Amino acid sequence: MQDITTGENIETLYRMIQIKGGKRIEKFRTTDIDRALHFHSWYVKRYREGLLLEILPKKKRYNWKDKSVDYIFE
């Protein structure tokens, strides 16, 4: 995915989520959008119900106690 303001590529995590009975159930996660869309089409054909797609960008988190940098999907 590309950032709108800077134009650089941002690594993203794509998650397929099912909401059932008020609970979120994670079915699939990947960093490749083509695999996520292929899984969704397979899941719809097999179970005849859709899933939610969450797109989480990778963010840099600075830990001031250890003076280290972590990358997380948020």
PDB file of N, CA and C in Angstrom:
ATOM      1  N   MET A   1       0.851  -1.161   0.000  1.00  0.00           N
ATOM      2  CA  MET A   1       0.000   0.000   0.000  1.00  0.00           C
ATOM      3  C   MET A   1       0.902   1.232   0.000  1.00  0.00           C
ATOM      4  N   GLN A   2       0.474   2.279  -0.684  1.00  0.00           N
ATOM      5  CA  GLN A   2       1.268   3.497  -0.748  1.00  0.00           C
ATOM      6  C   GLN A   2       0.659   4.571   0.135  1.00  0.00           C
ATOM      7  N   ASP A   3       1.544   5.331   0.808  1.00  0.00           N
ATOM      8  CA  ASP A   3       1.111   6.461   1.614  1.00  0.00           C
ATOM      9  C   ASP A   3       0.708   7.595   0.689  1.00  0.00           C
ATOM     10  N   ILE A   4      -0.403   8.245   0.989  1.00  0.00           N
ATOM     11  CA  ILE A   4      -0.917   9.304   0.120  1.00  0.00           C
ATOM     12  C   ILE A   4      -0.024  10.529   0.151  1.00  0.00           C
ATOM     13  N   THR A   5       0.452  10.918   1.320  1.00  0.00           N
ATOM     14  CA  THR A   5       1.216  12.152   1.432  1.00  0.00           C
ATOM     15  C   THR A   5       2.651  12.007   0.939  1.00  0.00           C
ATOM     16  N   THR A   6       3.328  10.921   1.283  1.00  0.00           N
ATOM     17  CA  THR A   6       4.736  10.786   0.912  1.00  0.00           C
ATOM     18  C   THR A   6       4.956   9.937  -0.331  1.00  0.00           C
ATOM     19  N   GLY A   7       4.023   9.052  -0.673  1.00  0.00           N
ATOM     20  CA  GLY A   7       4.165   8.211  -1.849  1.00  0.00           C
ATOM     21  C   GLY A   7       5.019   6.975  -1.628  1.00  0.00           C
ATOM     22  N   GLU A   8       5.486   6.739  -0.402  1.00  0.00           N
ATOM     23  CA  GLU A   8       6.321   5.569  -0.140  1.00  0.00           C
ATOM     24  C   GLU A   8       5.450   4.353   0.145  1.00  0.00           C
ATOM     25  N   ASN A   9       6.022   3.180  -0.064  1.00  0.00           N
ATOM     26  CA  ASN A   9       5.301   1.939   0.194  1.00  0.00           C
ATOM     27  C   ASN A   9       5.289   1.640   1.685  1.00  0.00           C
ATOM     28  N   ILE A  10       4.109   1.277   2.189  1.00  0.00           N
ATOM     29  CA  ILE A  10       3.940   0.922   3.584  1.00  0.00           C
ATOM     30  C   ILE A  10       3.540  -0.540   3.635  1.00  0.00           C
ATOM     31  N   GLU A  11       4.209  -1.298   4.495  1.00  0.00           N
ATOM     32  CA  GLU A  11       3.836  -2.703   4.651  1.00  0.00           C
ATOM     33  C   GLU A  11       2.535  -2.765   5.439  1.00  0.00           C
ATOM     34  N   THR A  12       1.594  -3.563   4.971  1.00  0.00           N
ATOM     35  CA  THR A  12       0.291  -3.659   5.614  1.00  0.00           C
ATOM     36  C   THR A  12      -0.052  -5.111   5.896  1.00  0.00           C
ATOM     37  N   LEU A  13      -0.913  -5.303   6.868  1.00  0.00           N
ATOM     38  CA  LEU A  13      -1.403  -6.624   7.222  1.00  0.00           C
ATOM     39  C   LEU A  13      -2.888  -6.658   6.893  1.00  0.00           C
ATOM     40  N   TYR A  14      -3.296  -7.662   6.145  1.00  0.00           N
ATOM     41  CA  TYR A  14      -4.699  -7.830   5.765  1.00  0.00           C
ATOM     42  C   TYR A  14      -5.266  -8.981   6.583  1.00  0.00           C
ATOM     43  N   ARG A  15      -6.353  -8.714   7.325  1.00  0.00           N
ATOM     44  CA  ARG A  15      -6.973  -9.740   8.158  1.00  0.00           C
ATOM     45  C   ARG A  15      -8.418  -9.936   7.730  1.00  0.00           C
ATOM     46  N   MET A  16      -8.818 -11.193   7.650  1.00  0.00           N
ATOM     47  CA  MET A  16     -10.210 -11.550   7.392  1.00  0.00           C
ATOM     48  C   MET A  16     -10.865 -11.896   8.725  1.00  0.00           C
ATOM     49  N   ILE A  17     -11.944 -11.192   9.041  1.00  0.00           N
ATOM     50  CA  ILE A  17     -12.601 -11.310  10.328  1.00  0.00           C
ATOM     51  C   ILE A  17     -14.051 -11.740  10.124  1.00  0.00           C
ATOM     52  N   GLN A  18     -14.508 -12.655  10.975  1.00  0.00           N
ATOM     53  CA  GLN A  18     -15.910 -13.046  11.006  1.00  0.00           C
ATOM     54  C   GLN A  18     -16.476 -12.590  12.348  1.00  0.00           C
ATOM     55  N   ILE A  19     -17.630 -11.932  12.316  1.00  0.00           N
ATOM     56  CA  ILE A  19     -18.294 -11.530  13.551  1.00  0.00           C
ATOM     57  C   ILE A  19     -19.484 -12.452  13.738  1.00  0.00           C
ATOM     58  N   LYS A  20     -19.434 -13.205  14.825  1.00  0.00           N
ATOM     59  CA  LYS A  20     -20.470 -14.191  15.085  1.00  0.00           C
ATOM     60  C   LYS A  20     -20.828 -14.130  16.568  1.00  0.00           C
ATOM     61  N   GLY A  21     -22.085 -13.810  16.860  1.00  0.00           N
ATOM     62  CA  GLY A  21     -22.531 -13.728  18.241  1.00  0.00           C
ATOM     63  C   GLY A  21     -21.860 -12.604  19.013  1.00  0.00           C
ATOM     64  N   GLY A  22     -21.502 -11.527  18.326  1.00  0.00           N
ATOM     65  CA  GLY A  22     -20.837 -10.405  18.978  1.00  0.00           C
ATOM     66  C   GLY A  22     -19.354 -10.607  19.214  1.00  0.00           C
ATOM     67  N   LYS A  23     -18.789 -11.711  18.757  1.00  0.00           N
ATOM     68  CA  LYS A  23     -17.362 -11.988  18.926  1.00  0.00           C
ATOM     69  C   LYS A  23     -16.659 -11.912  17.582  1.00  0.00           C
ATOM     70  N   ARG A  24     -15.420 -11.440  17.619  1.00  0.00           N
ATOM     71  CA  ARG A  24     -14.606 -11.343  16.410  1.00  0.00           C
ATOM     72  C   ARG A  24     -13.734 -12.587  16.311  1.00  0.00           C
ATOM     73  N   ILE A  25     -13.867 -13.301  15.220  1.00  0.00           N
ATOM     74  CA  ILE A  25     -13.086 -14.516  14.991  1.00  0.00           C
ATOM     75  C   ILE A  25     -12.190 -14.264  13.779  1.00  0.00           C
ATOM     76  N   GLU A  26     -10.874 -14.347  13.986  1.00  0.00           N
ATOM     77  CA  GLU A  26      -9.940 -14.120  12.893  1.00  0.00           C
ATOM     78  C   GLU A  26      -9.809 -15.393  12.081  1.00  0.00           C
ATOM     79  N   LYS A  27     -10.085 -15.305  10.791  1.00  0.00           N
ATOM     80  CA  LYS A  27     -10.038 -16.459   9.904  1.00  0.00           C
ATOM     81  C   LYS A  27      -8.740 -16.555   9.110  1.00  0.00           C
ATOM     82  N   PHE A  28      -8.157 -15.402   8.734  1.00  0.00           N
ATOM     83  CA  PHE A  28      -7.007 -15.422   7.837  1.00  0.00           C
ATOM     84  C   PHE A  28      -6.241 -14.124   7.999  1.00  0.00           C
ATOM     85  N   ARG A  29      -4.910 -14.180   7.884  1.00  0.00           N
ATOM     86  CA  ARG A  29      -4.095 -12.973   7.889  1.00  0.00           C
ATOM     87  C   ARG A  29      -2.922 -13.156   6.944  1.00  0.00           C
ATOM     88  N   THR A  30      -2.586 -12.080   6.241  1.00  0.00           N
ATOM     89  CA  THR A  30      -1.474 -12.112   5.298  1.00  0.00           C
ATOM     90  C   THR A  30      -1.025 -10.684   5.007  1.00  0.00           C
ATOM     91  N   THR A  31       0.139 -10.541   4.397  1.00  0.00           N
ATOM     92  CA  THR A  31       0.608  -9.233   3.961  1.00  0.00           C
ATOM     93  C   THR A  31       0.429  -9.038   2.461  1.00  0.00           C
ATOM     94  N   ASP A  32      -0.134 -10.018   1.782  1.00  0.00           N
ATOM     95  CA  ASP A  32      -0.340  -9.965   0.334  1.00  0.00           C
ATOM     96  C   ASP A  32      -1.832  -9.805   0.034  1.00  0.00           C
ATOM     97  N   ILE A  33      -2.200  -8.735  -0.652  1.00  0.00           N
ATOM     98  CA  ILE A  33      -3.607  -8.456  -0.936  1.00  0.00           C
ATOM     99  C   ILE A  33      -4.196  -9.486  -1.888  1.00  0.00           C
ATOM    100  N   ASP A  34      -3.413 -10.002  -2.817  1.00  0.00           N
ATOM    101  CA  ASP A  34      -3.931 -11.001  -3.755  1.00  0.00           C
ATOM    102  C   ASP A  34      -4.320 -12.289  -3.036  1.00  0.00           C
ATOM    103  N   ARG A  35      -3.509 -12.717  -2.082  1.00  0.00           N
ATOM    104  CA  ARG A  35      -3.844 -13.919  -1.311  1.00  0.00           C
ATOM    105  C   ARG A  35      -5.083 -13.696  -0.453  1.00  0.00           C
ATOM    106  N   ALA A  36      -5.225 -12.482   0.090  1.00  0.00           N
ATOM    107  CA  ALA A  36      -6.392 -12.171   0.925  1.00  0.00           C
ATOM    108  C   ALA A  36      -7.675 -12.214   0.091  1.00  0.00           C
ATOM    109  N   LEU A  37      -7.639 -11.644  -1.097  1.00  0.00           N
ATOM    110  CA  LEU A  37      -8.820 -11.641  -1.957  1.00  0.00           C
ATOM    111  C   LEU A  37      -9.139 -13.046  -2.470  1.00  0.00           C
ATOM    112  N   HIS A  38      -8.108 -13.827  -2.760  1.00  0.00           N
ATOM    113  CA  HIS A  38      -8.321 -15.201  -3.200  1.00  0.00           C
ATOM    114  C   HIS A  38      -8.951 -16.038  -2.077  1.00  0.00           C
ATOM    115  N   PHE A  39      -8.457 -15.858  -0.841  1.00  0.00           N
ATOM    116  CA  PHE A  39      -9.051 -16.574   0.285  1.00  0.00           C
ATOM    117  C   PHE A  39     -10.505 -16.166   0.483  1.00  0.00           C
ATOM    118  N   HIS A  40     -10.798 -14.878   0.340  1.00  0.00           N
ATOM    119  CA  HIS A  40     -12.178 -14.419   0.537  1.00  0.00           C
ATOM    120  C   HIS A  40     -13.101 -15.025  -0.515  1.00  0.00           C
ATOM    121  N   SER A  41     -12.682 -15.066  -1.761  1.00  0.00           N
ATOM    122  CA  SER A  41     -13.536 -15.647  -2.800  1.00  0.00           C
ATOM    123  C   SER A  41     -13.737 -17.143  -2.564  1.00  0.00           C
ATOM    124  N   TRP A  42     -12.688 -17.851  -2.129  1.00  0.00           N
ATOM    125  CA  TRP A  42     -12.829 -19.272  -1.803  1.00  0.00           C
ATOM    126  C   TRP A  42     -13.785 -19.470  -0.635  1.00  0.00           C
ATOM    127  N   TYR A  43     -13.673 -18.643   0.399  1.00  0.00           N
ATOM    128  CA  TYR A  43     -14.497 -18.766   1.595  1.00  0.00           C
ATOM    129  C   TYR A  43     -15.971 -18.504   1.260  1.00  0.00           C
ATOM    130  N   VAL A  44     -16.229 -17.520   0.421  1.00  0.00           N
ATOM    131  CA  VAL A  44     -17.617 -17.208   0.034  1.00  0.00           C
ATOM    132  C   VAL A  44     -18.215 -18.353  -0.768  1.00  0.00           C
ATOM    133  N   LYS A  45     -17.442 -18.938  -1.686  1.00  0.00           N
ATOM    134  CA  LYS A  45     -17.950 -20.067  -2.470  1.00  0.00           C
ATOM    135  C   LYS A  45     -18.238 -21.275  -1.586  1.00  0.00           C
ATOM    136  N   ARG A  46     -17.391 -21.521  -0.610  1.00  0.00           N
ATOM    137  CA  ARG A  46     -17.549 -22.708   0.224  1.00  0.00           C
ATOM    138  C   ARG A  46     -18.637 -22.565   1.286  1.00  0.00           C
ATOM    139  N   TYR A  47     -18.657 -21.438   2.007  1.00  0.00           N
ATOM    140  CA  TYR A  47     -19.555 -21.287   3.146  1.00  0.00           C
ATOM    141  C   TYR A  47     -20.753 -20.369   2.884  1.00  0.00           C
ATOM    142  N   ARG A  48     -20.774 -19.707   1.753  1.00  0.00           N
ATOM    143  CA  ARG A  48     -21.858 -18.812   1.371  1.00  0.00           C
ATOM    144  C   ARG A  48     -22.108 -17.697   2.388  1.00  0.00           C
ATOM    145  N   GLU A  49     -21.048 -17.158   2.927  1.00  0.00           N
ATOM    146  CA  GLU A  49     -21.111 -15.990   3.799  1.00  0.00           C
ATOM    147  C   GLU A  49     -19.820 -15.200   3.653  1.00  0.00           C
ATOM    148  N   GLY A  50     -19.906 -13.903   3.843  1.00  0.00           N
ATOM    149  CA  GLY A  50     -18.755 -13.042   3.638  1.00  0.00           C
ATOM    150  C   GLY A  50     -17.969 -12.796   4.914  1.00  0.00           C
ATOM    151  N   LEU A  51     -16.812 -12.195   4.746  1.00  0.00           N
ATOM    152  CA  LEU A  51     -15.937 -11.838   5.852  1.00  0.00           C
ATOM    153  C   LEU A  51     -15.596 -10.357   5.760  1.00  0.00           C
ATOM    154  N   LEU A  52     -15.202  -9.771   6.872  1.00  0.00           N
ATOM    155  CA  LEU A  52     -14.743  -8.390   6.890  1.00  0.00           C
ATOM    156  C   LEU A  52     -13.247  -8.358   6.614  1.00  0.00           C
ATOM    157  N   LEU A  53     -12.814  -7.361   5.877  1.00  0.00           N
ATOM    158  CA  LEU A  53     -11.396  -7.186   5.581  1.00  0.00           C
ATOM    159  C   LEU A  53     -10.879  -6.008   6.389  1.00  0.00           C
ATOM    160  N   GLU A  54      -9.895  -6.257   7.250  1.00  0.00           N
ATOM    161  CA  GLU A  54      -9.235  -5.191   7.993  1.00  0.00           C
ATOM    162  C   GLU A  54      -7.874  -4.947   7.378  1.00  0.00           C
ATOM    163  N   ILE A  55      -7.532  -3.676   7.208  1.00  0.00           N
ATOM    164  CA  ILE A  55      -6.240  -3.296   6.658  1.00  0.00           C
ATOM    165  C   ILE A  55      -5.486  -2.549   7.753  1.00  0.00           C
ATOM    166  N   LEU A  56      -4.386  -3.144   8.214  1.00  0.00           N
ATOM    167  CA  LEU A  56      -3.611  -2.570   9.309  1.00  0.00           C
ATOM    168  C   LEU A  56      -2.227  -2.172   8.815  1.00  0.00           C
ATOM    169  N   PRO A  57      -1.887  -0.876   8.826  1.00  0.00           N
ATOM    170  CA  PRO A  57      -0.552  -0.473   8.405  1.00  0.00           C
ATOM    171  C   PRO A  57       0.486  -0.752   9.484  1.00  0.00           C
ATOM    172  N   LYS A  58       1.722  -0.897   9.045  1.00  0.00           N
ATOM    173  CA  LYS A  58       2.824  -1.141   9.969  1.00  0.00           C
ATOM    174  C   LYS A  58       3.308   0.212  10.490  1.00  0.00           C
ATOM    175  N   LYS A  59       3.382   0.335  11.818  1.00  0.00           N
ATOM    176  CA  LYS A  59       3.804   1.595  12.428  1.00  0.00           C
ATOM    177  C   LYS A  59       5.049   1.387  13.275  1.00  0.00           C
ATOM    178  N   LYS A  60       5.828   2.454  13.382  1.00  0.00           N
ATOM    179  CA  LYS A  60       7.039   2.421  14.176  1.00  0.00           C
ATOM    180  C   LYS A  60       6.702   2.879  15.598  1.00  0.00           C
ATOM    181  N   ARG A  61       7.107   2.078  16.605  1.00  0.00           N
ATOM    182  CA  ARG A  61       6.858   2.412  17.998  1.00  0.00           C
ATOM    183  C   ARG A  61       8.198   2.490  18.719  1.00  0.00           C
ATOM    184  N   TYR A  62       8.426   3.621  19.378  1.00  0.00           N
ATOM    185  CA  TYR A  62       9.684   3.838  20.095  1.00  0.00           C
ATOM    186  C   TYR A  62       9.486   3.519  21.566  1.00  0.00           C
ATOM    187  N   ASN A  63      10.329   2.637  22.114  1.00  0.00           N
ATOM    188  CA  ASN A  63      10.296   2.304  23.523  1.00  0.00           C
ATOM    189  C   ASN A  63      11.369   3.136  24.220  1.00  0.00           C
ATOM    190  N   TRP A  64      10.945   4.149  24.974  1.00  0.00           N
ATOM    191  CA  TRP A  64      11.897   5.081  25.571  1.00  0.00           C
ATOM    192  C   TRP A  64      12.675   4.465  26.727  1.00  0.00           C
ATOM    193  N   LYS A  65      12.155   3.408  27.363  1.00  0.00           N
ATOM    194  CA  LYS A  65      12.886   2.780  28.465  1.00  0.00           C
ATOM    195  C   LYS A  65      14.096   2.007  27.945  1.00  0.00           C
ATOM    196  N   ASP A  66      13.875   1.234  26.885  1.00  0.00           N
ATOM    197  CA  ASP A  66      14.969   0.439  26.308  1.00  0.00           C
ATOM    198  C   ASP A  66      15.705   1.174  25.205  1.00  0.00           C
ATOM    199  N   LYS A  67      15.159   2.303  24.797  1.00  0.00           N
ATOM    200  CA  LYS A  67      15.706   3.076  23.678  1.00  0.00           C
ATOM    201  C   LYS A  67      15.817   2.210  22.434  1.00  0.00           C
ATOM    202  N   SER A  68      14.715   1.535  22.122  1.00  0.00           N
ATOM    203  CA  SER A  68      14.679   0.665  20.953  1.00  0.00           C
ATOM    204  C   SER A  68      13.442   0.994  20.137  1.00  0.00           C
ATOM    205  N   VAL A  69      13.455   0.546  18.911  1.00  0.00           N
ATOM    206  CA  VAL A  69      12.351   0.780  17.986  1.00  0.00           C
ATOM    207  C   VAL A  69      11.710  -0.555  17.637  1.00  0.00           C
ATOM    208  N   ASP A  70      10.400  -0.645  17.782  1.00  0.00           N
ATOM    209  CA  ASP A  70       9.634  -1.826  17.411  1.00  0.00           C
ATOM    210  C   ASP A  70       8.690  -1.450  16.285  1.00  0.00           C
ATOM    211  N   TYR A  71       8.394  -2.412  15.434  1.00  0.00           N
ATOM    212  CA  TYR A  71       7.406  -2.222  14.384  1.00  0.00           C
ATOM    213  C   TYR A  71       6.216  -3.113  14.674  1.00  0.00           C
ATOM    214  N   ILE A  72       5.015  -2.524  14.698  1.00  0.00           N
ATOM    215  CA  ILE A  72       3.789  -3.273  14.986  1.00  0.00           C
ATOM    216  C   ILE A  72       2.745  -2.938  13.937  1.00  0.00           C
ATOM    217  N   PHE A  73       1.801  -3.838  13.777  1.00  0.00           N
ATOM    218  CA  PHE A  73       0.655  -3.583  12.916  1.00  0.00           C
ATOM    219  C   PHE A  73      -0.460  -3.045  13.788  1.00  0.00           C
ATOM    220  N   GLU A  74      -0.939  -1.851  13.502  1.00  0.00           N
ATOM    221  CA  GLU A  74      -1.948  -1.205  14.308  1.00  0.00           C
ATOM    222  C   GLU A  74      -3.144  -0.801  13.502  1.00  0.00           C
TER     223      GLU A  74
END
